[in-house]
Amino acid sequence: MKKAKKQVFSAVKAVKSNARDRVGTPPPERVLPDPKQKRTANPKHKETLAALISKTGEEA
C-alpha cells in the first residue's frame, strides 16, 4: 500500500476555495456566437419589392 503524498499548502488554492465558499461557484462559460454565422442569419440588405412579389407568385 502506497503512502499518501503530503499536501503542500498553496495560497492560490486556499483563496479560490474561500471565495467559492462565500460567493459560490462561477457560472459556466458562455460560447460567443460566430460573427460569420450571425451575418448569414441576418442579411445585410433587405430583399427588393420585385423579388418579394416574384417569390409570392411562384408559391401560389
PDB file of N, CA and C in Angstrom:
ATOM      1  N   MET A   1       0.844  -1.176   0.000  1.00  0.00           N
ATOM      2  CA  MET A   1       0.000   0.000   0.000  1.00  0.00           C
ATOM      3  C   MET A   1       0.892   1.243   0.000  1.00  0.00           C
ATOM      4  N   LYS A   2       0.562   2.185  -0.908  1.00  0.00           N
ATOM      5  CA  LYS A   2       1.370   3.392  -1.014  1.00  0.00           C
ATOM      6  C   LYS A   2       1.041   4.372   0.101  1.00  0.00           C
ATOM      7  N   LYS A   3       2.049   5.094   0.488  1.00  0.00           N
ATOM      8  CA  LYS A   3       1.865   6.121   1.497  1.00  0.00           C
ATOM      9  C   LYS A   3       1.272   7.364   0.822  1.00  0.00           C
ATOM     10  N   ALA A   4       0.287   8.005   1.435  1.00  0.00           N
ATOM     11  CA  ALA A   4      -0.345   9.188   0.864  1.00  0.00           C
ATOM     12  C   ALA A   4       0.662  10.321   0.782  1.00  0.00           C
ATOM     13  N   LYS A   5       0.632  11.030  -0.342  1.00  0.00           N
ATOM     14  CA  LYS A   5       1.564  12.134  -0.541  1.00  0.00           C
ATOM     15  C   LYS A   5       1.125  13.323   0.308  1.00  0.00           C
ATOM     16  N   LYS A   6       2.072  13.943   0.975  1.00  0.00           N
ATOM     17  CA  LYS A   6       1.780  15.085   1.830  1.00  0.00           C
ATOM     18  C   LYS A   6       1.355  16.266   0.957  1.00  0.00           C
ATOM     19  N   GLN A   7       0.251  16.907   1.302  1.00  0.00           N
ATOM     20  CA  GLN A   7      -0.248  18.048   0.548  1.00  0.00           C
ATOM     21  C   GLN A   7       0.556  19.300   0.889  1.00  0.00           C
ATOM     22  N   VAL A   8       1.028  19.971  -0.147  1.00  0.00           N
ATOM     23  CA  VAL A   8       1.772  21.206   0.032  1.00  0.00           C
ATOM     24  C   VAL A   8       0.769  22.356   0.003  1.00  0.00           C
ATOM     25  N   PHE A   9       0.901  23.297   0.949  1.00  0.00           N
ATOM     26  CA  PHE A   9      -0.037  24.415   1.021  1.00  0.00           C
ATOM     27  C   PHE A   9       0.136  25.332  -0.184  1.00  0.00           C
ATOM     28  N   SER A  10      -0.993  25.676  -0.794  1.00  0.00           N
ATOM     29  CA  SER A  10      -0.982  26.590  -1.929  1.00  0.00           C
ATOM     30  C   SER A  10      -1.906  27.755  -1.594  1.00  0.00           C
ATOM     31  N   ALA A  11      -1.361  28.954  -1.548  1.00  0.00           N
ATOM     32  CA  ALA A  11      -2.151  30.129  -1.201  1.00  0.00           C
ATOM     33  C   ALA A  11      -3.238  30.385  -2.248  1.00  0.00           C
ATOM     34  N   VAL A  12      -2.926  30.140  -3.502  1.00  0.00           N
ATOM     35  CA  VAL A  12      -3.898  30.380  -4.579  1.00  0.00           C
ATOM     36  C   VAL A  12      -5.109  29.475  -4.407  1.00  0.00           C
ATOM     37  N   LYS A  13      -4.858  28.191  -4.147  1.00  0.00           N
ATOM     38  CA  LYS A  13      -5.965  27.255  -3.967  1.00  0.00           C
ATOM     39  C   LYS A  13      -6.785  27.606  -2.732  1.00  0.00           C
ATOM     40  N   ALA A  14      -6.135  28.067  -1.677  1.00  0.00           N
ATOM     41  CA  ALA A  14      -6.843  28.434  -0.456  1.00  0.00           C
ATOM     42  C   ALA A  14      -7.743  29.651  -0.691  1.00  0.00           C
ATOM     43  N   VAL A  15      -7.230  30.631  -1.417  1.00  0.00           N
ATOM     44  CA  VAL A  15      -8.023  31.836  -1.699  1.00  0.00           C
ATOM     45  C   VAL A  15      -9.214  31.499  -2.585  1.00  0.00           C
ATOM     46  N   LYS A  16      -8.986  30.677  -3.613  1.00  0.00           N
ATOM     47  CA  LYS A  16     -10.083  30.296  -4.513  1.00  0.00           C
ATOM     48  C   LYS A  16     -11.148  29.501  -3.767  1.00  0.00           C
ATOM     49  N   SER A  17     -10.720  28.595  -2.897  1.00  0.00           N
ATOM     50  CA  SER A  17     -11.666  27.798  -2.120  1.00  0.00           C
ATOM     51  C   SER A  17     -12.493  28.688  -1.198  1.00  0.00           C
ATOM     52  N   ASN A  18     -11.844  29.642  -0.559  1.00  0.00           N
ATOM     53  CA  ASN A  18     -12.537  30.579   0.329  1.00  0.00           C
ATOM     54  C   ASN A  18     -13.548  31.411  -0.454  1.00  0.00           C
ATOM     55  N   ALA A  19     -13.163  31.857  -1.640  1.00  0.00           N
ATOM     56  CA  ALA A  19     -14.075  32.657  -2.459  1.00  0.00           C
ATOM     57  C   ALA A  19     -15.271  31.829  -2.916  1.00  0.00           C
ATOM     58  N   ARG A  20     -15.030  30.565  -3.277  1.00  0.00           N
ATOM     59  CA  ARG A  20     -16.141  29.698  -3.690  1.00  0.00           C
ATOM     60  C   ARG A  20     -17.113  29.474  -2.547  1.00  0.00           C
ATOM     61  N   ASP A  21     -16.593  29.355  -1.319  1.00  0.00           N
ATOM     62  CA  ASP A  21     -17.465  29.173  -0.160  1.00  0.00           C
ATOM     63  C   ASP A  21     -18.333  30.399   0.081  1.00  0.00           C
ATOM     64  N   ARG A  22     -17.770  31.578  -0.098  1.00  0.00           N
ATOM     65  CA  ARG A  22     -18.511  32.812   0.187  1.00  0.00           C
ATOM     66  C   ARG A  22     -19.446  33.224  -0.941  1.00  0.00           C
ATOM     67  N   VAL A  23     -18.981  33.170  -2.167  1.00  0.00           N
ATOM     68  CA  VAL A  23     -19.744  33.691  -3.305  1.00  0.00           C
ATOM     69  C   VAL A  23     -20.489  32.586  -4.034  1.00  0.00           C
ATOM     70  N   GLY A  24     -19.899  31.434  -4.118  1.00  0.00           N
ATOM     71  CA  GLY A  24     -20.480  30.336  -4.881  1.00  0.00           C
ATOM     72  C   GLY A  24     -19.627  30.069  -6.110  1.00  0.00           C
ATOM     73  N   THR A  25     -19.964  29.003  -6.795  1.00  0.00           N
ATOM     74  CA  THR A  25     -19.171  28.654  -7.963  1.00  0.00           C
ATOM     75  C   THR A  25     -19.461  29.627  -9.101  1.00  0.00           C
ATOM     76  N   PRO A  26     -18.477  29.908  -9.946  1.00  0.00           N
ATOM     77  CA  PRO A  26     -18.712  30.812 -11.067  1.00  0.00           C
ATOM     78  C   PRO A  26     -19.617  30.149 -12.103  1.00  0.00           C
ATOM     79  N   PRO A  27     -20.372  30.945 -12.868  1.00  0.00           N
ATOM     80  CA  PRO A  27     -21.244  30.353 -13.877  1.00  0.00           C
ATOM     81  C   PRO A  27     -20.420  29.710 -14.989  1.00  0.00           C
ATOM     82  N   PRO A  28     -20.984  28.716 -15.667  1.00  0.00           N
ATOM     83  CA  PRO A  28     -20.235  28.090 -16.760  1.00  0.00           C
ATOM     84  C   PRO A  28     -19.995  29.103 -17.871  1.00  0.00           C
ATOM     85  N   GLU A  29     -18.936  28.884 -18.628  1.00  0.00           N
ATOM     86  CA  GLU A  29     -18.591  29.848 -19.667  1.00  0.00           C
ATOM     87  C   GLU A  29     -19.642  29.851 -20.766  1.00  0.00           C
ATOM     88  N   ARG A  30     -19.862  31.022 -21.341  1.00  0.00           N
ATOM     89  CA  ARG A  30     -20.817  31.163 -22.437  1.00  0.00           C
ATOM     90  C   ARG A  30     -20.043  31.230 -23.744  1.00  0.00           C
ATOM     91  N   VAL A  31     -20.507  30.494 -24.723  1.00  0.00           N
ATOM     92  CA  VAL A  31     -19.847  30.486 -26.022  1.00  0.00           C
ATOM     93  C   VAL A  31     -20.361  31.676 -26.822  1.00  0.00           C
ATOM     94  N   LEU A  32     -19.435  32.486 -27.321  1.00  0.00           N
ATOM     95  CA  LEU A  32     -19.825  33.633 -28.129  1.00  0.00           C
ATOM     96  C   LEU A  32     -20.211  33.162 -29.525  1.00  0.00           C
ATOM     97  N   PRO A  33     -21.279  33.738 -30.088  1.00  0.00           N
ATOM     98  CA  PRO A  33     -21.697  33.311 -31.422  1.00  0.00           C
ATOM     99  C   PRO A  33     -20.654  33.706 -32.473  1.00  0.00           C
ATOM    100  N   ASP A  34     -20.532  32.875 -33.490  1.00  0.00           N
ATOM    101  CA  ASP A  34     -19.581  33.124 -34.565  1.00  0.00           C
ATOM    102  C   ASP A  34     -20.087  34.294 -35.414  1.00  0.00           C
ATOM    103  N   PRO A  35     -19.298  35.341 -35.619  1.00  0.00           N
ATOM    104  CA  PRO A  35     -19.782  36.501 -36.385  1.00  0.00           C
ATOM    105  C   PRO A  35     -20.157  36.154 -37.816  1.00  0.00           C
ATOM    106  N   LYS A  36     -19.498  35.166 -38.416  1.00  0.00           N
ATOM    107  CA  LYS A  36     -19.835  34.786 -39.789  1.00  0.00           C
ATOM    108  C   LYS A  36     -21.226  34.163 -39.853  1.00  0.00           C
ATOM    109  N   GLN A  37     -21.563  33.319 -38.881  1.00  0.00           N
ATOM    110  CA  GLN A  37     -22.891  32.708 -38.860  1.00  0.00           C
ATOM    111  C   GLN A  37     -23.957  33.762 -38.588  1.00  0.00           C
ATOM    112  N   LYS A  38     -23.644  34.720 -37.735  1.00  0.00           N
ATOM    113  CA  LYS A  38     -24.591  35.775 -37.411  1.00  0.00           C
ATOM    114  C   LYS A  38     -24.890  36.617 -38.653  1.00  0.00           C
ATOM    115  N   ARG A  39     -23.845  36.873 -39.448  1.00  0.00           N
ATOM    116  CA  ARG A  39     -24.005  37.672 -40.658  1.00  0.00           C
ATOM    117  C   ARG A  39     -24.888  36.967 -41.676  1.00  0.00           C
ATOM    118  N   THR A  40     -24.756  35.644 -41.807  1.00  0.00           N
ATOM    119  CA  THR A  40     -25.561  34.912 -42.778  1.00  0.00           C
ATOM    120  C   THR A  40     -27.018  34.822 -42.321  1.00  0.00           C
ATOM    121  N   ALA A  41     -27.253  34.815 -41.013  1.00  0.00           N
ATOM    122  CA  ALA A  41     -28.620  34.748 -40.498  1.00  0.00           C
ATOM    123  C   ALA A  41     -29.352  36.062 -40.753  1.00  0.00           C
ATOM    124  N   ASN A  42     -28.668  37.183 -40.622  1.00  0.00           N
ATOM    125  CA  ASN A  42     -29.265  38.495 -40.872  1.00  0.00           C
ATOM    126  C   ASN A  42     -28.601  39.103 -42.103  1.00  0.00           C
ATOM    127  N   PRO A  43     -29.259  39.016 -43.270  1.00  0.00           N
ATOM    128  CA  PRO A  43     -28.630  39.561 -44.467  1.00  0.00           C
ATOM    129  C   PRO A  43     -28.417  41.063 -44.355  1.00  0.00           C
ATOM    130  N   LYS A  44     -27.413  41.560 -45.068  1.00  0.00           N
ATOM    131  CA  LYS A  44     -27.048  42.958 -44.977  1.00  0.00           C
ATOM    132  C   LYS A  44     -28.110  43.857 -45.624  1.00  0.00           C
ATOM    133  N   HIS A  45     -28.678  43.386 -46.726  1.00  0.00           N
ATOM    134  CA  HIS A  45     -29.679  44.186 -47.441  1.00  0.00           C
ATOM    135  C   HIS A  45     -31.011  43.457 -47.469  1.00  0.00           C
ATOM    136  N   LYS A  46     -32.081  44.210 -47.374  1.00  0.00           N
ATOM    137  CA  LYS A  46     -33.413  43.618 -47.466  1.00  0.00           C
ATOM    138  C   LYS A  46     -33.695  43.243 -48.920  1.00  0.00           C
ATOM    139  N   GLU A  47     -34.615  42.308 -49.093  1.00  0.00           N
ATOM    140  CA  GLU A  47     -34.974  41.913 -50.457  1.00  0.00           C
ATOM    141  C   GLU A  47     -35.778  43.031 -51.110  1.00  0.00           C
ATOM    142  N   THR A  48     -35.634  43.151 -52.421  1.00  0.00           N
ATOM    143  CA  THR A  48     -36.354  44.195 -53.140  1.00  0.00           C
ATOM    144  C   THR A  48     -37.817  43.799 -53.285  1.00  0.00           C
ATOM    145  N   LEU A  49     -38.637  44.767 -53.582  1.00  0.00           N
ATOM    146  CA  LEU A  49     -40.074  44.528 -53.748  1.00  0.00           C
ATOM    147  C   LEU A  49     -40.320  43.577 -54.911  1.00  0.00           C
ATOM    148  N   ALA A  50     -39.569  43.736 -55.984  1.00  0.00           N
ATOM    149  CA  ALA A  50     -39.737  42.858 -57.138  1.00  0.00           C
ATOM    150  C   ALA A  50     -39.424  41.403 -56.784  1.00  0.00           C
ATOM    151  N   ALA A  51     -38.383  41.177 -55.994  1.00  0.00           N
ATOM    152  CA  ALA A  51     -38.018  39.821 -55.578  1.00  0.00           C
ATOM    153  C   ALA A  51     -39.100  39.216 -54.687  1.00  0.00           C
ATOM    154  N   LEU A  52     -39.657  40.037 -53.788  1.00  0.00           N
ATOM    155  CA  LEU A  52     -40.711  39.539 -52.912  1.00  0.00           C
ATOM    156  C   LEU A  52     -41.954  39.172 -53.696  1.00  0.00           C
ATOM    157  N   ILE A  53     -42.312  40.001 -54.686  1.00  0.00           N
ATOM    158  CA  ILE A  53     -43.516  39.736 -55.488  1.00  0.00           C
ATOM    159  C   ILE A  53     -43.313  38.462 -56.317  1.00  0.00           C
ATOM    160  N   SER A  54     -42.123  38.296 -56.883  1.00  0.00           N
ATOM    161  CA  SER A  54     -41.879  37.118 -57.696  1.00  0.00           C
ATOM    162  C   SER A  54     -41.896  35.843 -56.847  1.00  0.00           C
ATOM    163  N   LYS A  55     -41.437  35.926 -55.613  1.00  0.00           N
ATOM    164  CA  LYS A  55     -41.476  34.759 -54.712  1.00  0.00           C
ATOM    165  C   LYS A  55     -42.913  34.368 -54.397  1.00  0.00           C
ATOM    166  N   THR A  56     -43.760  35.341 -54.069  1.00  0.00           N
ATOM    167  CA  THR A  56     -45.141  35.032 -53.717  1.00  0.00           C
ATOM    168  C   THR A  56     -45.901  34.511 -54.930  1.00  0.00           C
ATOM    169  N   GLY A  57     -45.551  34.974 -56.114  1.00  0.00           N
ATOM    170  CA  GLY A  57     -46.208  34.493 -57.324  1.00  0.00           C
ATOM    171  C   GLY A  57     -45.868  33.049 -57.623  1.00  0.00           C
ATOM    172  N   GLU A  58     -44.648  32.627 -57.317  1.00  0.00           N
ATOM    173  CA  GLU A  58     -44.220  31.257 -57.578  1.00  0.00           C
ATOM    174  C   GLU A  58     -44.886  30.273 -56.625  1.00  0.00           C
ATOM    175  N   GLU A  59     -45.092  30.671 -55.380  1.00  0.00           N
ATOM    176  CA  GLU A  59     -45.662  29.777 -54.376  1.00  0.00           C
ATOM    177  C   GLU A  59     -47.145  29.515 -54.605  1.00  0.00           C
ATOM    178  N   ALA A  60     -47.852  30.504 -55.094  1.00  0.00           N
ATOM    179  CA  ALA A  60     -49.308  30.388 -55.247  1.00  0.00           C
ATOM    180  C   ALA A  60     -49.706  29.516 -56.399  1.00  0.00           C
TER     181      ALA A  60
END
